N, C-alpha and C. Protein backbone atom coordinates (compact mmCIF):
# COMPACT_ATOMS: atom_id res chain seq x y z
N UNK A 1 -5.55 -28.00 -20.49
CA UNK A 1 -7.02 -28.81 -21.00
C UNK A 1 -6.75 -30.09 -20.37
N UNK A 2 -7.63 -30.99 -19.95
CA UNK A 2 -7.79 -32.08 -19.23
C UNK A 2 -8.57 -33.10 -20.40
N UNK A 3 -8.15 -34.41 -20.27
CA UNK A 3 -8.77 -35.09 -21.02
C UNK A 3 -8.55 -36.59 -20.13
N UNK A 4 -9.42 -37.81 -20.74
CA UNK A 4 -9.22 -38.86 -20.15
C UNK A 4 -9.24 -40.07 -21.29
N UNK A 5 -8.10 -40.62 -20.80
CA UNK A 5 -7.75 -42.12 -22.10
C UNK A 5 -8.67 -43.08 -21.84
N UNK A 6 -9.11 -43.19 -23.29
CA UNK A 6 -10.59 -44.19 -23.30
C UNK A 6 -10.19 -45.41 -23.98
N UNK A 7 -9.12 -45.45 -24.81
CA UNK A 7 -8.60 -46.50 -25.74
C UNK A 7 -7.17 -46.59 -25.58
N UNK A 8 -6.64 -47.50 -25.95
CA UNK A 8 -4.96 -47.57 -26.16
C UNK A 8 -4.47 -49.20 -27.03
N UNK A 9 -3.63 -48.82 -27.89
CA UNK A 9 -3.47 -50.17 -28.49
C UNK A 9 -2.17 -51.29 -27.70
N UNK A 10 -2.09 -51.91 -28.24
CA UNK A 10 -1.79 -53.00 -27.39
C UNK A 10 -0.10 -52.84 -27.00
N UNK A 11 0.43 -51.94 -27.69
CA UNK A 11 2.00 -51.24 -27.71
C UNK A 11 1.70 -50.17 -26.77
N UNK A 12 0.71 -49.79 -26.30
CA UNK A 12 0.44 -48.55 -25.13
C UNK A 12 1.22 -47.09 -26.38
N UNK A 13 1.25 -47.18 -27.43
CA UNK A 13 1.85 -45.93 -27.73
C UNK A 13 0.78 -45.09 -28.55
N UNK A 14 -0.19 -45.74 -29.11
CA UNK A 14 -1.41 -45.01 -29.50
C UNK A 14 -2.61 -45.12 -28.78
N UNK A 15 -3.70 -44.10 -28.58
CA UNK A 15 -4.22 -43.83 -27.54
C UNK A 15 -5.45 -42.78 -28.04
N UNK A 16 -6.34 -42.93 -27.41
CA UNK A 16 -7.69 -42.13 -27.86
C UNK A 16 -8.16 -41.61 -26.79
N UNK A 17 -7.87 -40.42 -27.05
CA UNK A 17 -8.41 -39.20 -25.57
C UNK A 17 -9.57 -38.73 -25.72
N UNK A 18 -10.47 -38.73 -24.74
CA UNK A 18 -11.92 -37.64 -24.59
C UNK A 18 -11.33 -36.29 -23.94
N UNK A 19 -11.48 -35.71 -24.83
CA UNK A 19 -11.02 -34.09 -23.88
C UNK A 19 -12.51 -33.87 -23.30
N UNK A 20 -12.15 -32.71 -22.15
CA UNK A 20 -13.15 -32.45 -21.21
C UNK A 20 -13.87 -31.12 -22.19
N UNK A 21 -13.16 -30.11 -23.35
CA UNK A 21 -14.03 -29.41 -23.47
C UNK A 21 -13.57 -29.63 -25.11
N UNK A 22 -14.03 -28.96 -26.19
CA UNK A 22 -13.00 -29.05 -27.66
C UNK A 22 -11.98 -28.26 -27.29
N UNK A 23 -11.30 -28.60 -28.59
CA UNK A 23 -9.74 -28.30 -28.90
C UNK A 23 -9.43 -27.83 -30.31
N UNK A 24 -8.76 -27.15 -30.34
CA UNK A 24 -7.98 -26.91 -31.83
C UNK A 24 -6.77 -27.70 -32.68
N UNK A 25 -6.46 -28.73 -31.90
CA UNK A 25 -5.68 -29.02 -32.55
C UNK A 25 -5.88 -29.60 -34.11
N UNK A 26 -4.63 -29.79 -34.58
CA UNK A 26 -4.50 -29.96 -36.33
C UNK A 26 -3.92 -31.22 -36.12
N UNK A 27 -3.95 -32.21 -37.33
CA UNK A 27 -3.24 -33.44 -37.17
C UNK A 27 -1.57 -33.45 -37.36
N UNK A 28 -1.22 -33.91 -36.69
CA UNK A 28 0.28 -33.79 -36.54
C UNK A 28 0.58 -33.14 -35.71
N UNK A 29 -0.33 -32.05 -34.74
CA UNK A 29 0.18 -31.18 -34.12
C UNK A 29 0.93 -32.01 -32.77
N UNK A 30 2.07 -31.45 -32.31
CA UNK A 30 2.80 -31.80 -31.01
C UNK A 30 2.10 -31.40 -29.97
N UNK A 31 1.86 -32.32 -29.20
CA UNK A 31 1.31 -31.95 -27.78
C UNK A 31 2.07 -32.75 -26.51
N UNK A 32 1.90 -32.39 -25.02
CA UNK A 32 2.36 -32.72 -24.51
C UNK A 32 1.47 -33.46 -23.36
N UNK A 33 1.80 -34.93 -23.06
CA UNK A 33 0.71 -35.64 -22.28
C UNK A 33 1.65 -35.97 -21.36
N UNK A 34 0.63 -35.40 -19.73
CA UNK A 34 1.27 -36.24 -18.55
C UNK A 34 0.05 -36.77 -18.16
N UNK A 35 0.27 -37.41 -16.89
CA UNK A 35 -0.57 -37.76 -15.80
C UNK A 35 -0.87 -36.36 -15.14
N UNK A 36 -2.30 -36.28 -14.68
CA UNK A 36 -2.83 -35.20 -14.19
C UNK A 36 -2.46 -35.34 -12.51
N UNK A 37 -1.78 -34.20 -12.03
CA UNK A 37 -0.94 -34.12 -10.78
C UNK A 37 -2.16 -33.58 -9.94
N UNK A 38 -2.01 -33.94 -8.37
CA UNK A 38 -3.07 -33.89 -7.51
C UNK A 38 -2.65 -32.50 -6.68
N UNK A 39 -3.78 -31.44 -6.92
CA UNK A 39 -3.18 -30.40 -6.70
C UNK A 39 -3.17 -30.22 -5.02
N UNK A 40 -2.67 -29.24 -4.48
CA UNK A 40 -2.34 -28.75 -3.27
C UNK A 40 -3.78 -29.42 -2.41
N UNK A 41 -3.05 -29.70 -1.31
CA UNK A 41 -4.41 -30.41 -0.31
C UNK A 41 -5.18 -29.61 0.68
N UNK A 42 -6.37 -29.42 1.14
CA UNK A 42 -6.60 -28.48 1.75
C UNK A 42 -5.92 -28.26 3.26
N UNK A 43 -5.28 -29.70 3.40
CA UNK A 43 -4.73 -29.62 5.05
C UNK A 43 -3.29 -28.56 4.62
N UNK A 44 -2.52 -28.88 3.58
CA UNK A 44 -1.58 -27.94 3.33
C UNK A 44 -1.77 -26.46 2.99
N UNK A 45 -2.95 -26.11 2.38
CA UNK A 45 -3.67 -24.74 2.35
C UNK A 45 -3.65 -24.17 3.75
N UNK A 46 -4.31 -25.01 4.97
CA UNK A 46 -4.56 -24.80 6.05
C UNK A 46 -3.13 -24.09 6.92
N UNK A 47 -2.41 -25.15 6.56
CA UNK A 47 -0.98 -24.78 7.63
C UNK A 47 -0.48 -23.90 7.00
N UNK A 48 -0.22 -23.63 5.55
CA UNK A 48 0.47 -22.63 4.68
C UNK A 48 -0.45 -21.53 5.61
N UNK A 49 -1.56 -20.99 5.72
CA UNK A 49 -2.09 -19.97 6.28
C UNK A 49 -2.00 -19.34 7.43
N UNK A 50 -2.06 -20.85 8.40
CA UNK A 50 -1.67 -20.93 9.69
C UNK A 50 0.18 -20.12 9.95
N UNK A 51 0.61 -20.71 9.35
CA UNK A 51 2.00 -20.41 9.26
C UNK A 51 2.46 -19.03 8.85
N UNK A 52 1.93 -18.12 8.16
CA UNK A 52 1.75 -17.08 7.79
C UNK A 52 1.29 -16.09 8.91
N UNK A 53 0.12 -16.44 9.78
CA UNK A 53 -0.62 -15.57 10.61
C UNK A 53 0.70 -16.00 11.72
N UNK A 54 1.10 -16.87 12.03
CA UNK A 54 2.29 -17.31 12.91
C UNK A 54 3.58 -16.15 12.78
N UNK A 55 4.09 -16.50 11.64
CA UNK A 55 5.07 -15.19 11.34
C UNK A 55 5.02 -14.12 11.88
N UNK A 56 3.71 -13.74 11.35
CA UNK A 56 3.38 -12.17 11.40
C UNK A 56 3.08 -11.78 12.93
N UNK A 57 2.57 -12.68 13.73
CA UNK A 57 2.10 -12.29 15.15
C UNK A 57 3.10 -12.29 16.00
N UNK A 58 2.70 -11.40 16.97
CA UNK A 58 3.37 -11.14 18.25
C UNK A 58 4.06 -11.91 18.86
N UNK A 59 3.85 -12.88 18.97
CA UNK A 59 3.59 -13.97 19.80
C UNK A 59 4.28 -15.37 19.19
N UNK A 60 4.60 -15.26 17.66
CA UNK A 60 5.14 -16.02 17.12
C UNK A 60 6.65 -15.19 16.41
N UNK A 61 6.13 -15.02 14.81
CA UNK A 61 7.67 -14.25 14.02
C UNK A 61 7.95 -13.04 14.61
N UNK A 62 7.12 -12.22 14.44
CA UNK A 62 6.90 -10.82 14.83
C UNK A 62 7.07 -10.13 13.62
N UNK A 63 7.30 -10.63 12.62
CA UNK A 63 6.89 -9.54 11.80
C UNK A 63 6.15 -8.31 11.34
N UNK A 64 4.96 -8.24 12.36
CA UNK A 64 4.43 -7.49 12.49
C UNK A 64 4.79 -6.21 12.92
N UNK A 65 6.67 -6.18 13.67
CA UNK A 65 7.36 -5.57 14.14
C UNK A 65 7.77 -4.81 12.62
N UNK A 66 7.85 -5.24 11.68
CA UNK A 66 8.32 -5.00 10.28
C UNK A 66 7.51 -4.38 9.33
N UNK A 67 6.22 -4.44 9.94
CA UNK A 67 5.31 -3.91 9.03
C UNK A 67 4.65 -4.91 8.29
N UNK A 68 4.38 -5.88 8.47
CA UNK A 68 3.25 -6.70 8.17
C UNK A 68 2.56 -7.33 8.82
N UNK A 69 0.98 -6.91 8.01
CA UNK A 69 -0.25 -7.01 9.12
C UNK A 69 -0.88 -8.23 8.68
N UNK A 70 -1.05 -8.31 7.16
CA UNK A 70 -2.04 -9.22 6.47
C UNK A 70 -1.27 -10.05 5.96
N UNK A 71 -1.77 -11.65 6.48
CA UNK A 71 -1.33 -12.79 5.88
C UNK A 71 -1.28 -13.06 4.24
N UNK A 72 -2.22 -12.16 3.67
CA UNK A 72 -2.65 -12.02 2.13
C UNK A 72 -1.61 -11.15 1.79
N UNK A 73 -1.31 -9.96 2.35
CA UNK A 73 -0.59 -9.19 1.75
C UNK A 73 1.32 -9.90 1.86
N UNK A 74 1.54 -10.41 2.97
CA UNK A 74 2.33 -11.33 2.93
C UNK A 74 2.85 -12.36 1.99
N UNK A 75 1.59 -13.29 1.99
CA UNK A 75 1.72 -14.00 0.85
C UNK A 75 1.76 -13.36 -0.65
N UNK A 76 1.16 -12.10 -1.31
CA UNK A 76 1.46 -11.42 -2.35
C UNK A 76 3.41 -11.38 -2.57
N UNK A 77 3.86 -10.75 -1.07
CA UNK A 77 5.28 -10.76 -1.07
C UNK A 77 6.21 -11.72 -1.49
N UNK A 78 5.90 -12.87 -0.98
CA UNK A 78 6.60 -14.06 -0.86
C UNK A 78 6.23 -14.54 -2.47
N UNK A 79 5.30 -14.17 -2.79
CA UNK A 79 5.31 -14.91 -4.12
C UNK A 79 6.18 -14.24 -4.91
N UNK A 80 6.22 -12.46 -4.77
CA UNK A 80 6.89 -11.80 -5.49
C UNK A 80 8.57 -12.36 -5.49
N UNK A 81 9.00 -12.66 -4.24
CA UNK A 81 10.45 -12.94 -3.55
C UNK A 81 10.71 -14.18 -4.48
N UNK A 82 9.98 -15.29 -4.44
CA UNK A 82 9.88 -16.74 -5.21
C UNK A 82 10.15 -16.59 -6.41
N UNK A 83 9.21 -15.78 -7.16
CA UNK A 83 9.83 -15.24 -8.87
C UNK A 83 10.90 -14.72 -8.65
N UNK A 84 11.29 -13.92 -8.22
CA UNK A 84 12.79 -12.99 -8.26
C UNK A 84 14.04 -13.88 -7.70
N UNK A 85 14.02 -14.71 -6.97
CA UNK A 85 14.67 -15.46 -6.21
C UNK A 85 14.63 -17.04 -6.92
N UNK A 86 13.66 -17.65 -6.99
CA UNK A 86 13.27 -19.00 -7.71
C UNK A 86 12.75 -18.91 -9.25
N UNK A 87 13.39 -18.47 -9.76
CA UNK A 87 12.61 -18.05 -11.01
C UNK A 87 12.04 -19.53 -11.95
N UNK A 88 13.34 -20.13 -11.58
CA UNK A 88 13.08 -21.97 -12.42
C UNK A 88 12.47 -22.77 -11.58
N UNK A 89 12.45 -22.82 -10.37
CA UNK A 89 11.83 -23.36 -9.52
C UNK A 89 10.56 -24.02 -9.79
N UNK A 90 9.70 -22.98 -10.15
CA UNK A 90 8.07 -23.14 -10.08
C UNK A 90 7.82 -22.75 -11.87
N UNK A 91 8.94 -22.71 -12.76
CA UNK A 91 8.61 -21.98 -14.13
C UNK A 91 7.54 -22.48 -14.98
N UNK A 92 6.94 -24.05 -14.58
CA UNK A 92 5.88 -24.57 -15.48
C UNK A 92 4.73 -23.76 -15.01
N UNK A 93 4.82 -23.32 -14.07
CA UNK A 93 3.38 -22.69 -13.20
C UNK A 93 3.41 -21.19 -13.50
N UNK A 94 4.05 -20.46 -13.93
CA UNK A 94 4.51 -19.41 -14.24
C UNK A 94 3.98 -18.94 -15.74
N UNK A 95 2.94 -18.79 -15.86
CA UNK A 95 2.32 -18.05 -17.58
C UNK A 95 2.65 -16.33 -17.48
N UNK A 96 1.80 -15.85 -16.47
CA UNK A 96 1.99 -14.57 -16.71
C UNK A 96 2.24 -14.06 -15.33
N UNK A 97 1.38 -14.50 -14.12
CA UNK A 97 2.36 -14.41 -12.90
C UNK A 97 1.69 -15.63 -12.04
N UNK A 98 2.85 -15.75 -11.20
CA UNK A 98 2.98 -16.94 -10.38
C UNK A 98 2.10 -17.18 -9.32
N UNK A 99 1.27 -17.93 -9.67
CA UNK A 99 0.44 -18.62 -8.57
C UNK A 99 0.74 -19.75 -7.86
N UNK A 100 0.16 -19.91 -6.38
CA UNK A 100 0.29 -21.19 -5.86
C UNK A 100 -0.60 -22.19 -5.94
N UNK A 101 -1.92 -21.38 -6.60
CA UNK A 101 -3.20 -22.39 -6.58
C UNK A 101 -2.70 -23.19 -7.76
N UNK A 102 -2.14 -23.20 -8.61
CA UNK A 102 -1.40 -24.04 -9.87
C UNK A 102 -0.53 -25.45 -9.03
N UNK A 103 -0.17 -25.09 -8.14
CA UNK A 103 0.99 -26.37 -7.38
C UNK A 103 0.24 -27.51 -6.65
N UNK A 104 1.10 -28.96 -7.12
CA UNK A 104 0.51 -30.03 -7.05
C UNK A 104 1.02 -29.77 -5.20
N UNK A 105 0.81 -30.83 -4.65
CA UNK A 105 0.75 -31.39 -3.49
C UNK A 105 2.58 -31.19 -3.38
N UNK A 106 3.26 -32.18 -3.93
CA UNK A 106 4.90 -32.30 -3.70
C UNK A 106 5.37 -30.55 -4.17
N UNK A 107 4.71 -30.04 -5.43
CA UNK A 107 5.07 -28.82 -5.50
C UNK A 107 5.11 -27.52 -4.12
N UNK A 108 3.64 -27.46 -3.59
CA UNK A 108 3.52 -27.03 -2.58
C UNK A 108 4.48 -26.99 -1.70
N UNK A 109 4.42 -28.10 -1.18
CA UNK A 109 5.49 -28.34 -0.09
C UNK A 109 6.91 -27.86 -0.55
N UNK A 110 7.20 -28.59 -1.51
CA UNK A 110 8.74 -27.76 -1.57
C UNK A 110 8.45 -26.30 -1.59
N UNK A 111 7.19 -25.50 -1.90
CA UNK A 111 7.25 -23.91 -1.71
C UNK A 111 7.35 -23.76 -0.06
N UNK A 112 6.32 -24.34 0.47
CA UNK A 112 6.90 -24.21 1.44
C UNK A 112 7.97 -24.59 2.67
N UNK A 113 8.88 -25.13 2.12
CA UNK A 113 9.83 -25.48 2.48
C UNK A 113 11.12 -24.13 2.26
N UNK A 114 10.97 -23.82 0.80
CA UNK A 114 12.01 -22.94 0.46
C UNK A 114 11.54 -21.11 1.26
N UNK A 115 9.99 -21.19 1.48
CA UNK A 115 10.11 -19.97 2.27
C UNK A 115 10.06 -20.05 3.62
N UNK A 116 10.02 -21.61 4.14
CA UNK A 116 10.61 -21.41 5.81
C UNK A 116 12.19 -21.24 5.90
N UNK A 117 12.71 -21.90 5.00
CA UNK A 117 14.36 -22.45 5.18
C UNK A 117 14.85 -21.20 4.72
N UNK A 118 14.70 -20.49 3.37
CA UNK A 118 15.46 -19.44 3.10
C UNK A 118 15.13 -18.16 3.58
N UNK A 119 13.79 -18.17 3.46
CA UNK A 119 13.45 -16.28 3.82
C UNK A 119 12.91 -16.28 5.02
N UNK A 120 12.19 -17.10 6.14
CA UNK A 120 11.83 -16.89 7.43
C UNK A 120 12.90 -17.33 8.16
N UNK A 121 13.75 -18.56 7.95
CA UNK A 121 14.94 -18.63 9.02
C UNK A 121 16.19 -17.71 8.35
N UNK A 122 16.57 -18.18 7.33
CA UNK A 122 17.70 -17.47 6.99
C UNK A 122 18.12 -15.70 6.82
N UNK A 123 16.92 -15.34 6.41
CA UNK A 123 16.72 -14.13 6.00
C UNK A 123 16.01 -13.18 7.04
N UNK A 124 15.02 -13.51 7.41
CA UNK A 124 14.72 -12.72 8.36
C UNK A 124 14.96 -13.18 10.07
N UNK A 125 15.70 -14.25 10.09
CA UNK A 125 15.98 -15.44 11.07
C UNK A 125 15.08 -15.17 12.24
N UNK A 126 13.79 -16.17 11.81
CA UNK A 126 12.78 -16.73 12.67
C UNK A 126 13.37 -17.88 13.13
N UNK A 127 13.09 -17.99 14.29
CA UNK A 127 13.21 -19.69 14.78
C UNK A 127 11.80 -20.12 14.39
N UNK A 128 11.54 -20.69 13.47
CA UNK A 128 10.29 -21.44 13.07
C UNK A 128 9.92 -22.81 13.74
N UNK A 129 10.85 -23.60 13.86
CA UNK A 129 10.71 -24.70 14.81
C UNK A 129 9.90 -24.95 16.00
N UNK A 130 9.36 -23.62 16.67
CA UNK A 130 8.67 -23.78 17.45
C UNK A 130 7.23 -23.63 16.93
N UNK A 131 6.94 -22.97 15.67
CA UNK A 131 5.83 -23.50 15.24
C UNK A 131 5.69 -24.97 14.29
N UNK A 132 6.68 -25.18 14.38
CA UNK A 132 6.85 -27.04 13.34
C UNK A 132 6.74 -27.66 14.75
N UNK A 133 7.09 -27.62 15.66
CA UNK A 133 6.88 -28.19 16.77
C UNK A 133 5.35 -28.60 17.31
N UNK A 134 4.59 -27.49 17.03
CA UNK A 134 2.90 -27.58 17.21
C UNK A 134 2.25 -27.55 16.07
N UNK A 135 2.57 -27.59 14.82
CA UNK A 135 2.02 -28.25 13.87
C UNK A 135 2.50 -29.19 13.11
N UNK A 136 2.05 -30.21 12.71
CA UNK A 136 2.28 -31.08 12.00
C UNK A 136 2.08 -30.83 10.40
N UNK A 137 3.33 -31.13 9.48
CA UNK A 137 2.76 -31.32 8.38
C UNK A 137 2.00 -32.81 7.35
N UNK A 138 1.09 -32.17 6.48
CA UNK A 138 0.41 -33.50 5.86
C UNK A 138 1.26 -34.35 5.02
N UNK A 139 0.63 -35.19 5.28
CA UNK A 139 1.63 -36.37 4.43
C UNK A 139 1.65 -35.80 2.76
N UNK A 140 3.01 -35.85 2.35
CA UNK A 140 2.64 -35.80 0.68
C UNK A 140 3.08 -36.53 0.29
N UNK A 141 2.28 -37.27 -0.79
CA UNK A 141 2.44 -38.18 -1.67
C UNK A 141 3.73 -37.75 -2.97
N UNK A 142 4.46 -39.25 -3.15
CA UNK A 142 5.62 -38.63 -3.96
C UNK A 142 5.27 -39.74 -5.19
């Protein structure tokens, strides 16, 4: 649930928050309040899908030789691998099923780094430096 701070006391310890939808909070309920993070960028998303297409292709990583034909199916396999091998890395994003759509720009960059370094380079032994030499990563704010 999102909201906007509309008033604060002089000590910045008491706030009035306008929520974007009705809530059933009871007086005294504990809540977690944190700044809203920027979701992954469209450039990051395009880069990721280009990367998946490249690692599958016969001119790229050749995962097609191992039965990977679809970037969508490979993405689902990668999410399952991340869930099994890095269960706490993105744990705040896993309620029922891990999804990359909830990752902010830094988290999505970390996700791509893990997929590249641990899965593609170490496990599949794909030299992805050719892909990265041709594609520039978007700037990721910290």
